[in-house]
């Protein structure tokens, strides 16, 4: 059996560190702007920026942890730190989105006086910082859930900055003060769906669900097509982290395989099948080969 290297893919630590530095600088500018202008939209965007800075810090920590090698205590190393980091970021985004909507609705009934011209300046500062962070993270966002979460953080901030600028222009040109609360509601509406989708994907990994894009019935059917395979049970496929799916299965084979030395070839065929045939290639697979009569000695099995 081939021994596989558990080293994780590029974790993007350098890009995350740059994005964190940019976000921290913009956060300071937006807090100052919110104090000067009294804008809820800008204050909310600053709060969102604060959670983003925290989220990026979590992402950077996770990206560092996944580089740690496997050992006898943690046989997969810290690969799942990527998923835990992304889950924490998604939870933070969800909390911020709910807070934004509640606070904005309250301000619809009691809008404060806001100076639109000052708000535009700080909105532009925030947008420029967000665009810079997006440029840094864009090419890496598909590499793992951690980087995807970080990219969504800064993308949501950029959309929030656009909403702040739009509200500022409306207030400056028309005096319509409710534009600030409406912009805050839009920011919240943009945050929540992305947070929910990301949380769904990360909890799916933590619950060891079948990886997206892999049909377990199709895997079973293809294994059953191999010569000498009689049945397949206790088939499990889960995902340790992005790009690291694992499979285990009990495979009942012809009794003759245990006498003619064919089992070694059977293992090669089974592992080659799951590693090459499907869109989700499974390089980490463990098969238990069994004769037909072995089932009586096992605990109750399942499909």
Protein backbone atom coordinates (compact mmCIF):
# COMPACT_ATOMS: atom_id res chain seq x y z
CA UNK A 1 0.00 0.00 0.00
CA UNK A 2 1.34 3.41 -0.97
CA UNK A 3 2.02 5.73 1.97
CA UNK A 4 0.52 9.13 1.33
CA UNK A 5 1.93 12.51 2.30
CA UNK A 6 -0.51 14.37 4.51
CA UNK A 7 1.01 17.81 3.86
CA UNK A 8 -1.73 20.30 3.18
CA UNK A 9 -2.00 22.48 0.09
CA UNK A 10 -0.82 26.09 0.00
CA UNK A 11 -2.44 27.77 3.00
CA UNK A 12 -1.96 31.36 1.75
CA UNK A 13 -0.35 32.70 4.94
CA UNK A 14 1.46 35.55 3.21
CA UNK A 15 -1.64 36.81 1.45
CA UNK A 16 -3.69 36.55 4.64
CA UNK A 17 -1.10 38.57 6.57
CA UNK A 18 -1.17 41.36 3.97
CA UNK A 19 -4.98 41.41 3.93
CA UNK A 20 -5.04 41.54 7.75
CA UNK A 21 -2.70 44.55 7.78
CA UNK A 22 -4.83 46.43 5.23
CA UNK A 23 -8.04 45.60 7.10
CA UNK A 24 -6.64 46.79 10.44
CA UNK A 25 -5.62 50.13 8.90
CA UNK A 26 -9.04 50.67 7.32
CA UNK A 27 -10.74 49.68 10.58
CA UNK A 28 -9.01 52.51 12.44
CA UNK A 29 -10.02 54.99 9.72
CA UNK A 30 -13.66 53.87 9.76
CA UNK A 31 -13.95 54.05 13.56
CA UNK A 32 -12.66 57.62 13.44
CA UNK A 33 -15.10 58.38 10.61
CA UNK A 34 -18.07 56.88 12.47
CA UNK A 35 -17.29 59.02 15.53
CA UNK A 36 -17.00 62.18 13.43
CA UNK A 37 -20.05 61.64 11.20
CA UNK A 38 -22.38 59.70 13.54
CA UNK A 39 -23.21 57.31 10.67
CA UNK A 40 -24.69 53.93 11.56
CA UNK A 41 -23.80 52.53 8.15
CA UNK A 42 -20.16 53.50 8.67
CA UNK A 43 -20.20 52.29 12.28
CA UNK A 44 -21.71 48.99 11.15
CA UNK A 45 -19.13 48.71 8.40
CA UNK A 46 -16.43 49.42 11.00
CA UNK A 47 -17.89 46.70 13.25
CA UNK A 48 -17.95 44.38 10.27
CA UNK A 49 -14.34 45.38 9.57
CA UNK A 50 -13.48 44.54 13.19
CA UNK A 51 -14.97 41.07 12.81
CA UNK A 52 -13.15 40.75 9.50
CA UNK A 53 -9.87 41.60 11.18
CA UNK A 54 -10.65 38.95 13.78
CA UNK A 55 -11.69 36.54 11.05
CA UNK A 56 -8.51 37.16 9.09
CA UNK A 57 -6.48 36.66 12.27
CA UNK A 58 -8.28 33.33 12.77
CA UNK A 59 -7.62 32.46 9.13
CA UNK A 60 -3.94 33.33 9.50
CA UNK A 61 -3.67 31.20 12.64
CA UNK A 62 -5.44 28.30 10.90
CA UNK A 63 -3.18 28.67 7.85
CA UNK A 64 -0.18 28.39 10.18
CA UNK A 65 -1.55 25.38 12.06
CA UNK A 66 -2.29 23.34 8.94
CA UNK A 67 1.42 23.37 8.13
CA UNK A 68 2.24 21.40 11.25
CA UNK A 69 3.26 17.81 10.42
CA UNK A 70 1.26 14.77 11.44
CA UNK A 71 2.34 12.84 14.50
CA UNK A 72 1.25 9.86 16.59
CA UNK A 73 -1.23 12.02 18.52
CA UNK A 74 -2.69 13.88 15.53
CA UNK A 75 -2.42 11.52 12.60
CA UNK A 76 -3.80 14.12 10.17
CA UNK A 77 -1.75 16.91 11.69
CA UNK A 78 -3.75 20.13 12.09
CA UNK A 79 -5.36 19.94 8.64
CA UNK A 80 -8.86 20.46 10.05
CA UNK A 81 -7.80 23.82 11.56
CA UNK A 82 -8.70 25.23 8.13
CA UNK A 83 -12.31 24.11 8.55
CA UNK A 84 -12.53 25.24 12.17
CA UNK A 85 -11.19 28.68 11.22
CA UNK A 86 -13.71 29.02 8.40
CA UNK A 87 -16.55 27.93 10.71
CA UNK A 88 -15.57 30.57 13.28
CA UNK A 89 -15.49 33.24 10.58
CA UNK A 90 -18.90 32.18 9.27
CA UNK A 91 -20.39 32.33 12.77
CA UNK A 92 -18.96 35.81 13.30
CA UNK A 93 -20.36 37.00 9.96
CA UNK A 94 -23.77 35.60 10.86
CA UNK A 95 -23.81 37.39 14.23
CA UNK A 96 -22.76 40.69 12.65
CA UNK A 97 -25.42 40.39 9.94
CA UNK A 98 -28.19 39.87 12.49
CA UNK A 99 -26.95 42.79 14.63
CA UNK A 100 -26.83 45.06 11.58
CA UNK A 101 -30.43 44.32 10.60
CA UNK A 102 -31.79 44.82 14.13
CA UNK A 103 -29.93 48.10 14.68
CA UNK A 104 -30.80 49.45 11.24
CA UNK A 105 -34.52 48.79 11.66
CA UNK A 106 -34.45 50.70 14.95
CA UNK A 107 -32.78 53.65 13.23
CA UNK A 108 -35.49 53.74 10.58
CA UNK A 109 -37.81 55.07 13.29
CA UNK A 110 -35.27 57.42 14.86
CA UNK A 111 -32.64 58.51 12.32
CA UNK A 112 -29.78 60.70 13.63
CA UNK A 113 -28.43 63.75 11.80
CA UNK A 114 -25.53 62.75 9.52
CA UNK A 115 -23.13 64.84 7.41
CA UNK A 116 -23.04 63.25 3.97
CA UNK A 117 -19.84 64.92 2.68
CA UNK A 118 -17.71 63.56 5.53
CA UNK A 119 -19.28 60.14 5.17
CA UNK A 120 -18.24 59.94 1.50
CA UNK A 121 -14.57 60.43 2.41
CA UNK A 122 -14.50 57.60 4.93
CA UNK A 123 -16.57 55.36 2.66
CA UNK A 124 -14.00 55.79 -0.11
CA UNK A 125 -11.14 55.04 2.29
CA UNK A 126 -12.88 51.82 3.30
CA UNK A 127 -13.57 50.83 -0.31
CA UNK A 128 -9.97 51.36 -1.39
CA UNK A 129 -8.73 49.17 1.46
CA UNK A 130 -11.27 46.48 0.62
CA UNK A 131 -10.32 46.50 -3.05
CA UNK A 132 -6.65 46.10 -2.11
CA UNK A 133 -7.47 43.09 0.13
CA UNK A 134 -9.66 41.55 -2.59
CA UNK A 135 -6.77 41.87 -5.06
CA UNK A 136 -4.46 40.09 -2.60
CA UNK A 137 -6.83 37.19 -1.86
CA UNK A 138 -8.71 36.75 -5.16
CA UNK A 139 -6.33 34.28 -6.81
CA UNK A 140 -6.19 32.04 -3.71
CA UNK A 141 -9.87 31.99 -2.71
CA UNK A 142 -10.59 28.57 -4.24
CA UNK A 143 -7.73 26.72 -2.57
CA UNK A 144 -9.52 25.91 0.69
CA UNK A 145 -12.46 26.86 2.92
CA UNK A 146 -10.29 29.06 5.11
CA UNK A 147 -9.20 31.28 2.21
CA UNK A 148 -12.72 31.27 0.81
CA UNK A 149 -14.04 32.55 4.15
CA UNK A 150 -11.37 35.26 4.28
CA UNK A 151 -12.18 36.37 0.74
CA UNK A 152 -15.89 36.55 1.55
CA UNK A 153 -15.06 38.70 4.57
CA UNK A 154 -13.31 41.36 2.51
CA UNK A 155 -15.79 41.10 -0.39
CA UNK A 156 -18.67 41.78 1.99
CA UNK A 157 -16.74 44.75 3.37
CA UNK A 158 -16.29 46.15 -0.14
CA UNK A 159 -20.03 45.87 -0.79
CA UNK A 160 -20.65 47.54 2.57
CA UNK A 161 -18.33 50.42 1.66
CA UNK A 162 -20.21 50.89 -1.61
CA UNK A 163 -23.46 51.07 0.35
CA UNK A 164 -21.93 53.66 2.72
CA UNK A 165 -20.79 55.80 -0.23
CA UNK A 166 -24.21 55.57 -1.89
CA UNK A 167 -25.94 56.59 1.36
CA UNK A 168 -23.52 59.49 1.81
CA UNK A 169 -24.22 60.80 -1.69
CA UNK A 170 -27.99 60.56 -1.15
CA UNK A 171 -27.75 62.39 2.20
CA UNK A 172 -25.45 65.08 0.81
CA UNK A 173 -27.63 65.77 -2.25
CA UNK A 174 -31.15 65.27 -0.89
CA UNK A 175 -30.89 65.39 2.91
CA UNK A 176 -32.69 62.04 3.13
CA UNK A 177 -31.30 60.81 6.48
CA UNK A 178 -32.96 57.38 6.29
CA UNK A 179 -30.51 56.49 3.52
CA UNK A 180 -27.96 55.60 6.20
CA UNK A 181 -30.23 53.03 7.89
CA UNK A 182 -31.30 51.64 4.51
CA UNK A 183 -27.65 51.20 3.53
CA UNK A 184 -27.03 49.36 6.80
CA UNK A 185 -29.95 47.02 6.04
CA UNK A 186 -28.48 46.30 2.61
CA UNK A 187 -25.13 45.49 4.19
CA UNK A 188 -26.82 43.04 6.57
CA UNK A 189 -28.78 41.48 3.70
CA UNK A 190 -25.52 40.90 1.84
CA UNK A 191 -23.75 39.39 4.83
CA UNK A 192 -26.34 36.83 5.98
CA UNK A 193 -26.75 34.57 2.89
CA UNK A 194 -22.98 34.23 2.41
CA UNK A 195 -22.48 33.48 6.09
CA UNK A 196 -25.19 30.80 6.03
CA UNK A 197 -23.76 29.14 2.90
CA UNK A 198 -20.24 29.10 4.30
CA UNK A 199 -21.46 27.76 7.65
CA UNK A 200 -23.36 25.02 5.80
CA UNK A 201 -20.24 23.94 3.92
CA UNK A 202 -17.96 23.92 6.96
CA UNK A 203 -20.41 22.10 9.24
CA UNK A 204 -20.89 19.54 6.48
CA UNK A 205 -17.17 18.75 6.72
CA UNK A 206 -17.26 18.68 10.53
CA UNK A 207 -20.24 16.30 10.44
CA UNK A 208 -18.23 14.08 8.08
CA UNK A 209 -20.84 14.25 5.33
CA UNK A 210 -20.06 12.81 1.92
CA UNK A 211 -17.93 15.37 0.03
CA UNK A 212 -19.77 17.64 -2.38
CA UNK A 213 -19.68 16.32 -5.94
CA UNK A 214 -19.39 12.65 -4.93
CA UNK A 215 -22.32 10.22 -5.28
CA UNK A 216 -21.87 7.44 -2.73
CA UNK A 217 -24.23 5.10 -4.61
CA UNK A 218 -22.14 5.59 -7.72
CA UNK A 219 -19.00 4.71 -5.77
CA UNK A 220 -20.63 1.52 -4.49
CA UNK A 221 -21.91 0.53 -7.94
CA UNK A 222 -18.50 1.01 -9.51
CA UNK A 223 -16.77 -1.04 -6.83
CA UNK A 224 -19.29 -3.83 -7.38
CA UNK A 225 -18.37 -3.93 -11.08
CA UNK A 226 -14.82 -5.01 -10.25
CA UNK A 227 -14.03 -8.72 -10.74
CA UNK A 228 -14.40 -10.95 -7.65
CA UNK A 229 -16.34 -8.30 -5.65
CA UNK A 230 -19.53 -9.80 -4.20
CA UNK A 231 -20.81 -6.94 -2.02
CA UNK A 232 -19.77 -3.69 -0.30
CA UNK A 233 -20.89 -2.56 3.15
CA UNK A 234 -19.88 -0.06 5.85
CA UNK A 235 -18.91 2.37 3.10
CA UNK A 236 -17.89 5.77 4.46
CA UNK A 237 -16.50 8.79 2.63
CA UNK A 238 -15.75 12.00 4.50
CA UNK A 239 -13.41 14.97 4.20
CA UNK A 240 -10.63 15.91 6.61
CA UNK A 241 -10.05 19.29 4.93
CA UNK A 242 -10.16 20.83 1.47
CA UNK A 243 -8.69 18.41 -1.05
CA UNK A 244 -8.34 15.63 1.53
CA UNK A 245 -11.24 13.13 1.19
CA UNK A 246 -10.94 9.71 2.84
CA UNK A 247 -12.80 6.44 2.22
CA UNK A 248 -13.21 3.24 4.21
CA UNK A 249 -15.21 0.16 3.20
CA UNK A 250 -15.68 -3.55 3.88
CA UNK A 251 -15.59 -5.50 0.61
CA UNK A 252 -16.77 -9.09 0.37
CA UNK A 253 -14.79 -10.94 -2.31
CA UNK A 254 -14.72 -14.48 -3.71
CA UNK A 255 -13.36 -16.98 -1.21
CA UNK A 256 -10.81 -18.08 -3.80
CA UNK A 257 -9.05 -14.71 -3.48
CA UNK A 258 -7.82 -15.75 -0.04
CA UNK A 259 -6.23 -18.94 -1.40
CA UNK A 260 -4.78 -17.96 -4.77
CA UNK A 261 -3.05 -14.75 -3.61
CA UNK A 262 -5.39 -12.51 -5.60
CA UNK A 263 -6.10 -10.21 -2.64
CA UNK A 264 -3.08 -8.00 -3.32
CA UNK A 265 -4.34 -7.34 -6.85
CA UNK A 266 -7.84 -6.68 -5.47
CA UNK A 267 -6.51 -3.93 -3.18
CA UNK A 268 -4.73 -2.29 -6.10
CA UNK A 269 -7.90 -2.39 -8.21
CA UNK A 270 -10.09 -0.99 -5.44
CA UNK A 271 -7.74 1.87 -4.59
CA UNK A 272 -7.17 2.72 -8.24
CA UNK A 273 -10.93 2.79 -8.77
CA UNK A 274 -11.64 5.43 -6.12
CA UNK A 275 -8.49 7.43 -6.87
CA UNK A 276 -9.03 7.78 -10.62
CA UNK A 277 -12.63 7.14 -11.65
CA UNK A 278 -14.54 9.92 -9.86
CA UNK A 279 -14.49 13.72 -10.03
CA UNK A 280 -13.50 13.74 -6.34
CA UNK A 281 -10.29 11.72 -6.38
CA UNK A 282 -9.79 9.75 -3.15
CA UNK A 283 -6.14 8.95 -2.55
CA UNK A 284 -6.61 7.98 1.10
CA UNK A 285 -8.66 4.77 1.07
CA UNK A 286 -8.81 1.78 3.40
CA UNK A 287 -10.48 -1.48 2.37
CA UNK A 288 -11.17 -4.51 4.53
CA UNK A 289 -11.41 -7.61 2.33
CA UNK A 290 -13.72 -10.31 3.68
CA UNK A 291 -14.85 -13.80 2.67
CA UNK A 292 -18.59 -14.33 2.42
CA UNK A 293 -18.81 -16.09 5.78
CA UNK A 294 -17.05 -13.33 7.74
CA UNK A 295 -20.26 -11.32 8.25
CA UNK A 296 -21.35 -13.63 11.05
CA UNK A 297 -18.36 -12.50 13.13
CA UNK A 298 -18.99 -8.74 12.79
CA UNK A 299 -21.20 -6.30 14.57
CA UNK A 300 -24.35 -5.42 12.62
CA UNK A 301 -23.36 -3.69 9.41
CA UNK A 302 -25.00 -1.06 7.27
CA UNK A 303 -24.90 -0.12 3.63
